[in-house]
Amino acid sequence: MEIKLLEHVNIQTTQLEMMENWCIEILELKKGYRPPFEVKGAWLYAAGYPMVHLVEVDDPPERSDNPELEHFAMRAVGLDSLLERTKV
């Protein structure tokens, strides 16, 4: 499998508007289309791709020495070769 690009990063925040503004002003991302999910959030685009997904949460995640990543997505080709290599 050949990974082509990091598709997006998902970030949970209790301060959606502040995070959105920071991404727009500092990272120069553009706010764009986001499907009508049940939770509030924003998708911020670069080069035509929604690279940062913000999701509003009521309570911040607990901090720890082992931070957890909500999720990230990659675009790749060659799924068959990956599945073949992972057969036991």
N, C-alpha and C. Protein backbone atom coordinates (compact mmCIF):
# COMPACT_ATOMS: atom_id res chain seq x y z
N MET A 1 0.86 -1.18 0.00
CA MET A 1 0.00 0.00 0.00
C MET A 1 0.89 1.23 0.00
N GLU A 2 0.55 2.19 -0.81
CA GLU A 2 1.30 3.44 -0.86
C GLU A 2 0.42 4.57 -0.33
N ILE A 3 0.85 5.18 0.78
CA ILE A 3 0.10 6.30 1.34
C ILE A 3 0.38 7.53 0.49
N LYS A 4 -0.67 8.21 0.06
CA LYS A 4 -0.55 9.37 -0.82
C LYS A 4 -0.54 10.69 -0.05
N LEU A 5 -1.36 10.80 0.99
CA LEU A 5 -1.40 12.02 1.78
C LEU A 5 -2.16 11.81 3.06
N LEU A 6 -1.90 12.69 4.03
CA LEU A 6 -2.69 12.69 5.25
C LEU A 6 -4.01 13.36 4.90
N GLU A 7 -5.09 12.63 4.99
CA GLU A 7 -6.40 13.11 4.55
C GLU A 7 -6.94 14.22 5.45
N HIS A 8 -6.99 13.95 6.75
CA HIS A 8 -7.44 14.99 7.68
C HIS A 8 -7.09 14.62 9.11
N VAL A 9 -7.16 15.63 9.96
CA VAL A 9 -6.97 15.46 11.40
C VAL A 9 -8.26 15.92 12.07
N ASN A 10 -8.73 15.16 13.04
CA ASN A 10 -9.95 15.48 13.77
C ASN A 10 -9.57 15.99 15.16
N ILE A 11 -10.09 17.15 15.53
CA ILE A 11 -9.75 17.76 16.82
C ILE A 11 -11.04 18.07 17.58
N GLN A 12 -11.12 17.59 18.82
CA GLN A 12 -12.25 17.93 19.68
C GLN A 12 -11.91 19.19 20.45
N THR A 13 -12.90 20.08 20.60
CA THR A 13 -12.66 21.34 21.31
C THR A 13 -13.92 21.80 22.03
N THR A 14 -13.70 22.46 23.17
CA THR A 14 -14.80 23.10 23.88
C THR A 14 -14.91 24.56 23.44
N GLN A 15 -13.98 25.00 22.60
CA GLN A 15 -13.95 26.39 22.14
C GLN A 15 -13.91 26.43 20.61
N LEU A 16 -15.02 25.99 20.01
CA LEU A 16 -15.09 25.84 18.56
C LEU A 16 -14.76 27.13 17.83
N GLU A 17 -15.39 28.22 18.19
CA GLU A 17 -15.18 29.48 17.48
C GLU A 17 -13.72 29.94 17.57
N MET A 18 -13.13 29.83 18.75
CA MET A 18 -11.74 30.23 18.93
C MET A 18 -10.80 29.37 18.08
N MET A 19 -11.01 28.06 18.09
CA MET A 19 -10.17 27.15 17.31
C MET A 19 -10.34 27.41 15.81
N GLU A 20 -11.57 27.62 15.41
CA GLU A 20 -11.85 27.90 14.00
C GLU A 20 -11.13 29.17 13.56
N ASN A 21 -11.25 30.23 14.36
CA ASN A 21 -10.59 31.49 14.03
C ASN A 21 -9.07 31.34 14.00
N TRP A 22 -8.52 30.57 14.93
CA TRP A 22 -7.07 30.37 14.96
C TRP A 22 -6.60 29.66 13.69
N CYS A 23 -7.32 28.63 13.30
CA CYS A 23 -6.95 27.89 12.08
C CYS A 23 -7.04 28.77 10.84
N ILE A 24 -8.01 29.65 10.81
CA ILE A 24 -8.19 30.55 9.67
C ILE A 24 -7.12 31.63 9.68
N GLU A 25 -6.91 32.26 10.83
CA GLU A 25 -5.98 33.39 10.90
C GLU A 25 -4.52 32.96 10.90
N ILE A 26 -4.18 31.90 11.62
CA ILE A 26 -2.79 31.50 11.76
C ILE A 26 -2.37 30.51 10.67
N LEU A 27 -3.18 29.48 10.44
CA LEU A 27 -2.82 28.47 9.45
C LEU A 27 -3.29 28.84 8.04
N GLU A 28 -4.10 29.89 7.94
CA GLU A 28 -4.65 30.38 6.68
C GLU A 28 -5.50 29.31 5.97
N LEU A 29 -6.21 28.51 6.78
CA LEU A 29 -7.16 27.56 6.23
C LEU A 29 -8.45 28.29 5.91
N LYS A 30 -9.27 27.70 5.09
CA LYS A 30 -10.54 28.30 4.68
C LYS A 30 -11.69 27.43 5.19
N LYS A 31 -12.71 28.07 5.77
CA LYS A 31 -13.89 27.33 6.21
C LYS A 31 -14.66 26.90 4.97
N GLY A 32 -15.13 25.64 5.00
CA GLY A 32 -15.85 25.13 3.84
C GLY A 32 -16.96 24.18 4.23
N TYR A 33 -17.48 23.49 3.24
CA TYR A 33 -18.61 22.58 3.43
C TYR A 33 -18.29 21.53 4.48
N ARG A 34 -19.28 21.27 5.31
CA ARG A 34 -19.24 20.19 6.30
C ARG A 34 -20.61 19.52 6.28
N PRO A 35 -20.67 18.20 6.19
CA PRO A 35 -21.97 17.53 6.20
C PRO A 35 -22.75 17.91 7.47
N PRO A 36 -24.07 17.82 7.41
CA PRO A 36 -24.91 18.21 8.56
C PRO A 36 -24.92 17.15 9.67
N PHE A 37 -23.81 17.03 10.37
CA PHE A 37 -23.73 16.10 11.49
C PHE A 37 -24.58 16.60 12.65
N GLU A 38 -24.88 15.72 13.60
CA GLU A 38 -25.68 16.10 14.77
C GLU A 38 -24.92 17.01 15.72
N VAL A 39 -23.60 16.92 15.74
CA VAL A 39 -22.79 17.76 16.62
C VAL A 39 -22.24 18.95 15.85
N LYS A 40 -22.01 20.05 16.58
CA LYS A 40 -21.47 21.24 15.94
C LYS A 40 -20.00 21.03 15.62
N GLY A 41 -19.54 21.71 14.59
CA GLY A 41 -18.15 21.59 14.21
C GLY A 41 -17.87 22.44 12.98
N ALA A 42 -16.68 22.29 12.45
CA ALA A 42 -16.27 23.01 11.26
C ALA A 42 -15.24 22.18 10.51
N TRP A 43 -15.26 22.29 9.19
CA TRP A 43 -14.22 21.70 8.38
C TRP A 43 -13.43 22.85 7.77
N LEU A 44 -12.11 22.77 7.90
CA LEU A 44 -11.24 23.82 7.41
C LEU A 44 -10.37 23.25 6.29
N TYR A 45 -10.33 23.98 5.19
CA TYR A 45 -9.74 23.48 3.96
C TYR A 45 -8.40 24.13 3.63
N ALA A 46 -7.56 23.33 2.96
CA ALA A 46 -6.33 23.81 2.34
C ALA A 46 -6.18 23.05 1.03
N ALA A 47 -5.80 23.76 -0.02
CA ALA A 47 -5.61 23.14 -1.34
C ALA A 47 -6.86 22.37 -1.79
N GLY A 48 -8.04 22.86 -1.37
CA GLY A 48 -9.28 22.23 -1.79
C GLY A 48 -9.71 21.02 -0.98
N TYR A 49 -8.95 20.66 0.05
CA TYR A 49 -9.26 19.50 0.87
C TYR A 49 -9.62 19.92 2.30
N PRO A 50 -10.63 19.25 2.91
CA PRO A 50 -10.98 19.54 4.30
C PRO A 50 -9.99 18.85 5.24
N MET A 51 -8.87 19.51 5.53
CA MET A 51 -7.77 18.89 6.25
C MET A 51 -7.91 18.89 7.76
N VAL A 52 -8.63 19.87 8.31
CA VAL A 52 -8.82 19.93 9.76
C VAL A 52 -10.31 19.85 10.04
N HIS A 53 -10.70 18.85 10.82
CA HIS A 53 -12.09 18.68 11.24
C HIS A 53 -12.17 19.05 12.71
N LEU A 54 -12.93 20.09 13.02
CA LEU A 54 -13.15 20.48 14.41
C LEU A 54 -14.50 19.95 14.86
N VAL A 55 -14.55 19.41 16.06
CA VAL A 55 -15.80 18.89 16.63
C VAL A 55 -15.97 19.51 18.00
N GLU A 56 -17.11 20.17 18.22
CA GLU A 56 -17.36 20.78 19.52
C GLU A 56 -17.82 19.73 20.52
N VAL A 57 -17.21 19.76 21.71
CA VAL A 57 -17.58 18.87 22.81
C VAL A 57 -17.91 19.73 24.03
N ASP A 58 -18.76 19.18 24.92
CA ASP A 58 -19.13 19.93 26.12
C ASP A 58 -18.04 19.93 27.17
N ASP A 59 -17.40 18.79 27.35
CA ASP A 59 -16.36 18.65 28.37
C ASP A 59 -15.04 18.34 27.69
N PRO A 60 -13.98 19.00 28.09
CA PRO A 60 -12.69 18.70 27.49
C PRO A 60 -12.22 17.30 27.87
N PRO A 61 -11.51 16.65 26.98
CA PRO A 61 -10.95 15.34 27.35
C PRO A 61 -9.97 15.52 28.50
N GLU A 62 -9.87 14.50 29.35
CA GLU A 62 -8.92 14.56 30.45
C GLU A 62 -7.50 14.57 29.90
N ARG A 63 -6.65 15.37 30.52
CA ARG A 63 -5.25 15.38 30.12
C ARG A 63 -4.53 14.26 30.84
N SER A 64 -3.55 13.71 30.16
CA SER A 64 -2.75 12.65 30.78
C SER A 64 -1.35 12.69 30.20
N ASP A 65 -0.51 11.85 30.74
CA ASP A 65 0.84 11.73 30.20
C ASP A 65 0.84 10.98 28.88
N ASN A 66 -0.28 10.34 28.57
CA ASN A 66 -0.42 9.59 27.33
C ASN A 66 -1.59 10.16 26.52
N PRO A 67 -1.38 11.29 25.84
CA PRO A 67 -2.49 11.90 25.09
C PRO A 67 -3.00 10.96 24.00
N GLU A 68 -4.28 11.05 23.74
CA GLU A 68 -4.91 10.21 22.74
C GLU A 68 -5.27 11.05 21.52
N LEU A 69 -5.08 10.48 20.38
CA LEU A 69 -5.46 11.10 19.12
C LEU A 69 -6.87 10.66 18.80
N GLU A 70 -7.76 11.59 18.52
CA GLU A 70 -9.14 11.22 18.17
C GLU A 70 -9.13 10.34 16.93
N HIS A 71 -8.65 10.85 15.84
CA HIS A 71 -8.41 10.02 14.66
C HIS A 71 -7.73 10.84 13.59
N PHE A 72 -7.14 10.17 12.64
CA PHE A 72 -6.64 10.80 11.44
C PHE A 72 -6.91 9.85 10.29
N ALA A 73 -6.92 10.38 9.09
CA ALA A 73 -7.22 9.57 7.91
C ALA A 73 -6.15 9.81 6.86
N MET A 74 -5.83 8.75 6.14
CA MET A 74 -4.85 8.86 5.06
C MET A 74 -5.48 8.40 3.75
N ARG A 75 -5.04 8.97 2.67
CA ARG A 75 -5.44 8.51 1.35
C ARG A 75 -4.32 7.61 0.85
N ALA A 76 -4.69 6.46 0.31
CA ALA A 76 -3.69 5.50 -0.14
C ALA A 76 -4.20 4.73 -1.35
N VAL A 77 -3.31 4.07 -2.00
CA VAL A 77 -3.66 3.14 -3.09
C VAL A 77 -3.02 1.81 -2.75
N GLY A 78 -3.55 0.73 -3.30
CA GLY A 78 -2.96 -0.58 -3.10
C GLY A 78 -3.50 -1.34 -1.91
N LEU A 79 -4.78 -1.23 -1.63
CA LEU A 79 -5.36 -1.94 -0.49
C LEU A 79 -5.15 -3.44 -0.60
N ASP A 80 -5.27 -3.98 -1.81
CA ASP A 80 -5.09 -5.43 -1.97
C ASP A 80 -3.73 -5.89 -1.49
N SER A 81 -2.68 -5.12 -1.81
CA SER A 81 -1.34 -5.53 -1.38
C SER A 81 -1.21 -5.46 0.15
N LEU A 82 -1.85 -4.47 0.78
CA LEU A 82 -1.83 -4.39 2.24
C LEU A 82 -2.54 -5.58 2.84
N LEU A 83 -3.71 -5.90 2.33
CA LEU A 83 -4.47 -7.04 2.86
C LEU A 83 -3.69 -8.33 2.67
N GLU A 84 -3.02 -8.49 1.56
CA GLU A 84 -2.22 -9.68 1.30
C GLU A 84 -1.08 -9.81 2.33
N ARG A 85 -0.42 -8.71 2.64
CA ARG A 85 0.70 -8.74 3.59
C ARG A 85 0.23 -9.03 5.00
N THR A 86 -1.03 -8.73 5.32
CA THR A 86 -1.50 -8.90 6.69
C THR A 86 -2.18 -10.26 6.92
N LYS A 87 -2.24 -11.08 5.89
CA LYS A 87 -2.82 -12.42 6.07
C LYS A 87 -1.92 -13.25 6.96
N VAL A 88 -2.54 -14.03 7.84
CA VAL A 88 -1.78 -14.89 8.75
C VAL A 88 -1.75 -16.29 8.21
